[in-house]
Amino acid sequence: MNLSDSQTGGSVPRRVSAMEAVLSHLRSAIERGEYAVGDKLPSEAELCRSLEVSRPVLREALRALQTMGLTVSRTGKGTFVVSNGPVVDPTFGDYAASDLIEVRRHVEIPVAGYAAARRTPEDLDHLAHLLDRMEHETDTTAWVAMDTLFHLAVAQAAQNPVFRRVIEEIRDALARQSAFLNELGGRREQSNREHRAIVEALIDGSERDATEAMAHHLDRVETTLTAIVRPEGAENTDSTDTPTEGETPA
């Protein structure tokens, strides 16, 4: 499958995973009407065979389709198409992406400022250690878990238990969103840099730099999410070929 144009949108090329290729293929088929609303997708075994991918790769793609609101999985019955797109507002756990971003802007940006003013040496040590682990982690699942811990640690550094409780409430949604953005947007390295800027601002005790660094981080999260759900050149996606296992240059 040639996904060069549809995946890069004219930006700097990056490698596209097998999961992204499968997702693009199935999403395009749904949006073109090959699978109509109400239709059941072929079984996992059939899709794995026809697309020549492993079951874990396929299941990741199916989960992404469901997050985008295009399909729903019914236990014991299979996966059914519930919308032919375009995707406007994916859902992460109990929360829509737009609601999550709105709340995060109103909570995490000021929290970063409070953390810069109130952080303790122990808070800084914990954040620095966590950031170092994240920058050396290669497993996406482990990295995502530490990503949520990072945002909880910033809230903890603000020395207000209510802030931490708010982040705890949306923790599952944050993890789902983080996994989604990393699988489909290649966000990990960029996110590490943004997290480091936040930590450096906290070390400096600069409330302004901390709020600006967190605002930039959330801006990039929203930009990447938008690029995934409304990719440039999506109408030109070539999905007549089947993806191959592993990674494909884009």
Protein backbone atom coordinates (compact mmCIF):
# COMPACT_ATOMS: atom_id res chain seq x y z
CA MET A 1 0.00 0.00 0.00
CA ASN A 2 1.38 3.39 -0.95
CA LEU A 3 0.51 5.84 1.82
CA SER A 4 3.16 8.46 1.19
CA ASP A 5 0.90 11.34 0.18
CA SER A 6 -1.94 10.63 2.57
CA GLN A 7 0.21 10.14 5.65
CA THR A 8 2.71 12.96 5.32
CA GLY A 9 0.45 15.69 4.01
CA GLY A 10 3.52 17.38 2.53
CA SER A 11 5.37 17.50 5.86
CA VAL A 12 8.67 15.91 6.83
CA PRO A 13 8.47 12.19 5.95
CA ARG A 14 8.31 9.67 8.78
CA ARG A 15 7.92 5.94 8.92
CA VAL A 16 4.37 4.60 8.89
CA SER A 17 3.62 1.52 11.00
CA ALA A 18 1.65 -1.48 9.82
CA MET A 19 -1.16 -0.44 12.17
CA GLU A 20 -1.38 3.00 10.54
CA ALA A 21 -1.49 1.38 7.10
CA VAL A 22 -4.29 -0.96 8.16
CA LEU A 23 -6.23 1.89 9.78
CA SER A 24 -5.89 4.06 6.68
CA HIS A 25 -7.05 1.19 4.48
CA LEU A 26 -10.12 0.37 6.57
CA ARG A 27 -11.00 4.00 7.23
CA SER A 28 -10.87 4.82 3.52
CA ALA A 29 -13.01 1.79 2.69
CA ILE A 30 -15.64 2.93 5.21
CA GLU A 31 -15.58 6.55 4.05
CA ARG A 32 -15.94 5.46 0.40
CA GLY A 33 -18.93 3.30 1.28
CA GLU A 34 -17.35 -0.11 0.66
CA TYR A 35 -18.59 -0.86 4.17
CA ALA A 36 -21.89 0.97 4.69
CA VAL A 37 -23.34 2.11 8.00
CA GLY A 38 -24.81 -0.99 9.64
CA ASP A 39 -22.46 -3.39 7.86
CA LYS A 40 -20.38 -5.85 9.80
CA LEU A 41 -16.67 -5.85 9.02
CA PRO A 42 -15.09 -9.15 8.00
CA SER A 43 -13.88 -11.29 10.89
CA GLU A 44 -10.46 -10.66 12.41
CA ALA A 45 -9.18 -13.86 10.82
CA GLU A 46 -10.38 -12.76 7.37
CA LEU A 47 -8.92 -9.27 7.73
CA CYS A 48 -5.57 -10.59 8.98
CA ARG A 49 -5.40 -12.93 6.02
CA SER A 50 -6.43 -10.40 3.37
CA LEU A 51 -4.31 -7.55 4.76
CA GLU A 52 -1.39 -9.83 5.66
CA VAL A 53 -0.92 -8.50 9.19
CA SER A 54 -0.87 -10.03 12.66
CA ARG A 55 -3.89 -10.03 14.94
CA PRO A 56 -2.36 -7.53 17.45
CA VAL A 57 -1.75 -5.05 14.60
CA LEU A 58 -5.30 -5.48 13.34
CA ARG A 59 -6.81 -5.08 16.79
CA GLU A 60 -4.94 -1.81 17.35
CA ALA A 61 -6.36 -0.50 14.07
CA LEU A 62 -9.88 -1.64 15.01
CA ARG A 63 -9.58 0.13 18.37
CA ALA A 64 -8.53 3.31 16.58
CA LEU A 65 -11.56 3.07 14.26
CA GLN A 66 -13.80 2.78 17.31
CA THR A 67 -12.09 5.76 18.99
CA MET A 68 -12.78 7.78 15.85
CA GLY A 69 -16.45 6.88 16.11
CA LEU A 70 -16.57 4.96 12.83
CA THR A 71 -17.24 1.51 14.28
CA VAL A 72 -18.51 -0.21 17.40
CA SER A 73 -17.45 -3.61 18.70
CA ARG A 74 -20.21 -5.90 19.96
CA THR A 75 -19.05 -8.79 22.10
CA GLY A 76 -19.61 -12.10 20.38
CA LYS A 77 -20.99 -10.46 17.26
CA GLY A 78 -18.11 -8.55 15.68
CA THR A 79 -17.34 -5.00 14.57
CA PHE A 80 -20.03 -2.89 12.92
CA VAL A 81 -19.84 0.40 10.99
CA VAL A 82 -21.82 3.15 12.74
CA SER A 83 -20.60 6.19 10.74
CA ASN A 84 -18.94 6.79 7.40
CA GLY A 85 -17.17 9.93 8.64
CA PRO A 86 -15.57 12.32 8.43
CA VAL A 87 -14.36 12.04 12.02
CA VAL A 88 -14.92 15.25 13.97
CA ASP A 89 -14.40 14.45 17.64
CA PRO A 90 -12.89 11.11 18.73
CA THR A 91 -13.74 9.71 22.16
CA PHE A 92 -11.18 8.59 24.73
CA GLY A 93 -12.86 6.47 27.37
CA ASP A 94 -15.73 8.53 28.79
CA TYR A 95 -14.71 11.85 27.27
CA ALA A 96 -14.74 13.48 23.84
CA ALA A 97 -11.38 14.83 22.69
CA SER A 98 -12.68 18.41 22.47
CA ASP A 99 -13.97 18.30 26.04
CA LEU A 100 -10.70 16.82 27.25
CA ILE A 101 -8.60 19.52 25.58
CA GLU A 102 -10.85 22.30 26.88
CA VAL A 103 -10.59 21.10 30.47
CA ARG A 104 -6.86 20.49 30.22
CA ARG A 105 -6.29 24.07 29.04
CA HIS A 106 -8.26 25.49 31.96
CA VAL A 107 -6.61 23.20 34.52
CA GLU A 108 -3.11 22.17 33.46
CA ILE A 109 -1.87 25.55 32.22
CA PRO A 110 -2.48 27.40 35.51
CA VAL A 111 -1.40 24.28 37.42
CA ALA A 112 2.01 24.51 35.73
CA GLY A 113 2.32 28.09 36.98
CA TYR A 114 1.41 27.12 40.53
CA ALA A 115 3.86 24.21 40.34
CA ALA A 116 6.68 26.57 39.33
CA ALA A 117 5.99 28.72 42.39
CA ARG A 118 5.38 25.93 44.91
CA ARG A 119 7.43 22.89 43.83
CA THR A 120 9.67 21.23 46.40
CA PRO A 121 13.11 19.69 45.81
CA GLU A 122 11.41 16.28 46.06
CA ASP A 123 8.94 17.25 43.34
CA LEU A 124 11.77 18.29 41.04
CA ASP A 125 13.74 15.11 41.71
CA HIS A 126 10.67 12.99 40.95
CA LEU A 127 9.91 14.85 37.71
CA ALA A 128 13.54 14.75 36.56
CA HIS A 129 13.76 11.00 37.23
CA LEU A 130 10.45 10.38 35.46
CA LEU A 131 11.51 12.46 32.46
CA ASP A 132 14.82 10.62 32.19
CA ARG A 133 12.98 7.27 32.16
CA MET A 134 10.58 8.51 29.49
CA GLU A 135 13.38 9.72 27.25
CA HIS A 136 15.01 6.29 27.35
CA GLU A 137 11.84 4.19 27.14
CA THR A 138 11.19 2.39 23.85
CA ASP A 139 8.01 0.52 24.77
CA THR A 140 4.92 2.57 23.90
CA THR A 141 2.73 1.07 26.62
CA ALA A 142 5.29 1.82 29.33
CA TRP A 143 5.85 5.32 27.96
CA VAL A 144 2.12 6.08 27.96
CA ALA A 145 1.86 5.01 31.61
CA MET A 146 4.71 7.37 32.51
CA ASP A 147 3.12 10.16 30.46
CA THR A 148 0.07 10.18 32.73
CA LEU A 149 2.33 9.96 35.79
CA PHE A 150 4.19 13.03 34.54
CA HIS A 151 1.04 15.14 34.40
CA LEU A 152 -0.02 13.87 37.81
CA ALA A 153 3.41 14.83 39.18
CA VAL A 154 3.09 18.37 37.84
CA ALA A 155 -0.32 18.63 39.53
CA GLN A 156 1.19 17.26 42.74
CA ALA A 157 3.90 19.95 42.59
CA ALA A 158 1.18 22.62 42.63
CA GLN A 159 0.51 21.58 46.26
CA ASN A 160 -3.26 21.57 45.85
CA PRO A 161 -4.89 18.13 46.19
CA VAL A 162 -7.90 19.21 44.15
CA PHE A 163 -5.75 19.67 41.05
CA ARG A 164 -4.35 16.16 41.39
CA ARG A 165 -7.87 14.80 41.89
CA VAL A 166 -9.00 16.40 38.62
CA ILE A 167 -6.10 14.83 36.71
CA GLU A 168 -6.82 11.50 38.40
CA GLU A 169 -10.41 11.69 37.15
CA ILE A 170 -9.31 12.02 33.51
CA ARG A 171 -6.27 9.77 33.85
CA ASP A 172 -7.72 6.89 31.82
CA ALA A 173 -8.77 9.27 29.03
CA LEU A 174 -5.31 10.87 29.02
CA ALA A 175 -3.69 7.45 28.66
CA ARG A 176 -6.00 6.50 25.78
CA GLN A 177 -5.35 9.80 24.05
CA SER A 178 -1.60 9.48 24.57
CA ALA A 179 -1.54 5.96 23.09
CA PHE A 180 -3.66 7.13 20.14
CA LEU A 181 -1.38 10.10 19.38
CA ASN A 182 1.78 8.04 19.70
CA GLU A 183 0.54 5.20 17.50
CA LEU A 184 -0.81 7.49 14.78
CA GLY A 185 1.07 10.75 15.22
CA GLY A 186 4.58 9.72 16.22
CA ARG A 187 4.37 12.09 19.19
CA ARG A 188 6.78 10.47 21.64
CA GLU A 189 10.03 12.33 20.92
CA GLN A 190 8.28 15.66 20.46
CA SER A 191 6.34 15.14 23.67
CA ASN A 192 9.55 14.34 25.54
CA ARG A 193 11.01 17.68 24.41
CA GLU A 194 7.86 19.51 25.49
CA HIS A 195 7.91 17.78 28.87
CA ARG A 196 11.55 18.76 29.34
CA ALA A 197 10.69 22.41 28.66
CA ILE A 198 8.01 22.20 31.37
CA VAL A 199 10.44 20.67 33.87
CA GLU A 200 13.13 23.25 33.09
CA ALA A 201 10.62 26.03 33.75
CA LEU A 202 9.69 24.42 37.07
CA ILE A 203 13.37 24.15 38.03
CA ASP A 204 13.82 27.84 37.20
CA GLY A 205 10.73 28.69 39.23
CA SER A 206 9.35 30.68 36.30
CA GLU A 207 5.55 30.75 36.38
CA ARG A 208 5.38 32.45 32.98
CA ASP A 209 7.70 29.94 31.29
CA ALA A 210 5.89 27.03 32.90
CA THR A 211 2.45 28.14 31.73
CA GLU A 212 3.79 28.89 28.24
CA ALA A 213 5.51 25.48 28.04
CA MET A 214 2.33 23.68 29.10
CA ALA A 215 0.23 25.74 26.69
CA HIS A 216 2.62 24.84 23.85
CA HIS A 217 2.42 21.17 24.83
CA LEU A 218 -1.38 21.18 24.70
CA ASP A 219 -1.32 23.12 21.42
CA ARG A 220 0.81 20.38 19.87
CA VAL A 221 -1.47 17.67 21.24
CA GLU A 222 -4.47 19.35 19.63
CA THR A 223 -2.64 19.97 16.34
CA THR A 224 -1.55 16.33 16.07
CA LEU A 225 -5.02 15.09 16.91
CA THR A 226 -6.54 17.31 14.24
CA ALA A 227 -4.00 16.08 11.67
CA ILE A 228 -4.96 12.48 12.44
CA VAL A 229 -8.73 12.84 12.27
CA ARG A 230 -8.74 15.30 9.35
CA PRO A 231 -5.56 14.51 7.39
CA GLU A 232 -4.62 16.63 4.38
CA GLY A 233 -4.98 14.79 1.08
CA ALA A 234 -7.09 12.04 2.68
CA GLU A 235 -9.23 11.94 -0.41
CA ASN A 236 -6.20 10.81 -2.40
CA THR A 237 -5.45 7.81 -0.18
CA ASP A 238 -4.62 4.74 -2.26
CA SER A 239 -6.09 1.78 -0.41
CA THR A 240 -6.32 -0.72 -3.22
CA ASP A 241 -3.18 -2.52 -2.13
CA THR A 242 -2.75 -4.35 1.15
CA PRO A 243 -0.33 -3.27 3.89
CA THR A 244 2.62 -5.42 4.82
CA GLU A 245 3.72 -6.34 8.32
CA GLY A 246 6.30 -4.10 9.94
CA GLU A 247 7.04 -0.54 8.92
CA THR A 248 6.62 1.14 5.57
CA PRO A 249 8.57 4.25 4.52
CA ALA A 250 6.30 7.27 4.07
